[in-house]
Amino acid sequence: MEIFGGFMVMISIIGFFLAVVWLVMPFVVFAIKGKQDRSLELLERLEKQLAQLDDKVTALQHSARQTTSEPAGHTSDDAPPALDSSAAPSSS
């Protein structure tokens, strides 16, 4: 009979622990939900600000391209500039 007594004490301790967890869990869930809603609101606000910044940068780049005109002889920005022989350092 001693085995059943120890087993019942162990079950009652586990049951008490589960009851405490069961009672605390709704408060934890609602606290997490509030924080998640706040994070979602901040994220949406940041996305709007980033979209506005992207629009401004795109508009500035577009206006900068229109104001600068390329010379007629210049074909590409990828070509390195020609070196002037008088400006090149001499190796002695």
Protein backbone atom coordinates (compact mmCIF):
# COMPACT_ATOMS: atom_id res chain seq x y z
CA MET A 1 0.00 0.00 0.00
CA GLU A 2 2.98 2.29 0.49
CA ILE A 3 3.59 2.39 -3.29
CA PHE A 4 0.11 3.83 -3.93
CA GLY A 5 0.58 6.51 -1.27
CA GLY A 6 3.84 7.79 -2.81
CA PHE A 7 2.36 7.60 -6.28
CA MET A 8 -0.66 9.65 -5.20
CA VAL A 9 1.59 12.33 -3.65
CA MET A 10 3.58 12.54 -6.89
CA ILE A 11 0.40 12.78 -8.98
CA SER A 12 -1.01 15.49 -6.69
CA ILE A 13 2.20 17.55 -6.99
CA ILE A 14 2.11 17.24 -10.78
CA GLY A 15 -1.59 18.11 -10.77
CA PHE A 16 -0.94 21.21 -8.65
CA PHE A 17 1.82 22.31 -11.05
CA LEU A 18 -0.46 21.80 -14.08
CA ALA A 19 -3.27 23.74 -12.39
CA VAL A 20 -0.96 26.70 -11.78
CA VAL A 21 0.23 26.60 -15.38
CA TRP A 22 -3.38 26.34 -16.59
CA LEU A 23 -4.39 29.42 -14.56
CA VAL A 24 -1.38 31.55 -15.60
CA MET A 25 -1.43 30.66 -19.31
CA PRO A 26 -4.27 33.01 -20.43
CA PHE A 27 -2.46 36.01 -18.95
CA VAL A 28 0.72 35.04 -20.77
CA VAL A 29 -1.12 34.60 -24.07
CA PHE A 30 -2.87 37.98 -23.82
CA ALA A 31 0.39 39.73 -22.88
CA ILE A 32 2.12 38.23 -25.90
CA LYS A 33 -0.83 39.16 -28.13
CA GLY A 34 -0.60 42.81 -27.05
CA LYS A 35 3.12 42.95 -27.75
CA GLN A 36 2.61 41.27 -31.12
CA ASP A 37 -0.09 43.80 -32.09
CA ARG A 38 2.21 46.67 -31.13
CA SER A 39 5.06 45.17 -33.15
CA LEU A 40 2.79 44.76 -36.16
CA GLU A 41 1.70 48.41 -35.91
CA LEU A 42 5.34 49.57 -35.74
CA LEU A 43 6.27 47.35 -38.68
CA GLU A 44 3.48 48.76 -40.84
CA ARG A 45 4.55 52.31 -39.97
CA LEU A 46 8.16 51.51 -40.86
CA GLU A 47 7.09 50.00 -44.18
CA LYS A 48 5.18 53.18 -45.06
CA GLN A 49 8.19 55.33 -44.19
CA LEU A 50 10.50 53.13 -46.24
CA ALA A 51 8.13 53.32 -49.21
CA GLN A 52 8.09 57.12 -48.94
CA LEU A 53 11.88 57.25 -48.76
CA ASP A 54 12.16 54.92 -51.74
CA ASP A 55 9.81 57.15 -53.74
CA LYS A 56 11.84 60.25 -52.83
CA VAL A 57 15.15 58.61 -53.75
CA THR A 58 13.72 57.37 -57.04
CA ALA A 59 12.39 60.84 -57.86
CA LEU A 60 15.74 62.44 -57.00
CA GLN A 61 17.63 59.95 -59.15
CA HIS A 62 15.23 60.49 -62.01
CA SER A 63 15.55 64.29 -61.80
CA ALA A 64 19.35 64.04 -61.53
CA ARG A 65 19.49 61.93 -64.70
CA GLN A 66 17.37 64.45 -66.56
CA THR A 67 19.48 67.45 -65.52
CA THR A 68 22.81 65.88 -66.46
CA SER A 69 23.43 65.38 -70.14
CA GLU A 70 26.18 63.16 -71.46
CA PRO A 71 28.71 64.52 -73.97
CA ALA A 72 28.22 63.35 -77.55
CA GLY A 73 31.55 61.50 -77.74
CA HIS A 74 31.10 59.71 -74.44
CA THR A 75 29.59 56.25 -74.88
CA SER A 76 29.70 54.57 -71.48
CA ASP A 77 30.43 55.26 -67.82
CA ASP A 78 32.15 51.90 -67.55
CA ALA A 79 35.21 52.90 -69.62
CA PRO A 80 38.16 54.13 -67.55
CA PRO A 81 39.29 57.70 -68.16
CA ALA A 82 42.23 58.18 -70.51
CA LEU A 83 45.53 58.81 -68.72
CA ASP A 84 47.45 61.93 -69.58
CA SER A 85 51.09 61.02 -70.25
CA SER A 86 52.34 64.19 -68.56
CA ALA A 87 50.41 63.38 -65.36
CA ALA A 88 51.67 59.79 -65.15
CA PRO A 89 54.42 59.25 -62.57
CA SER A 90 57.78 58.34 -64.00
CA SER A 91 59.64 55.33 -62.68
CA SER A 92 63.36 55.92 -62.25
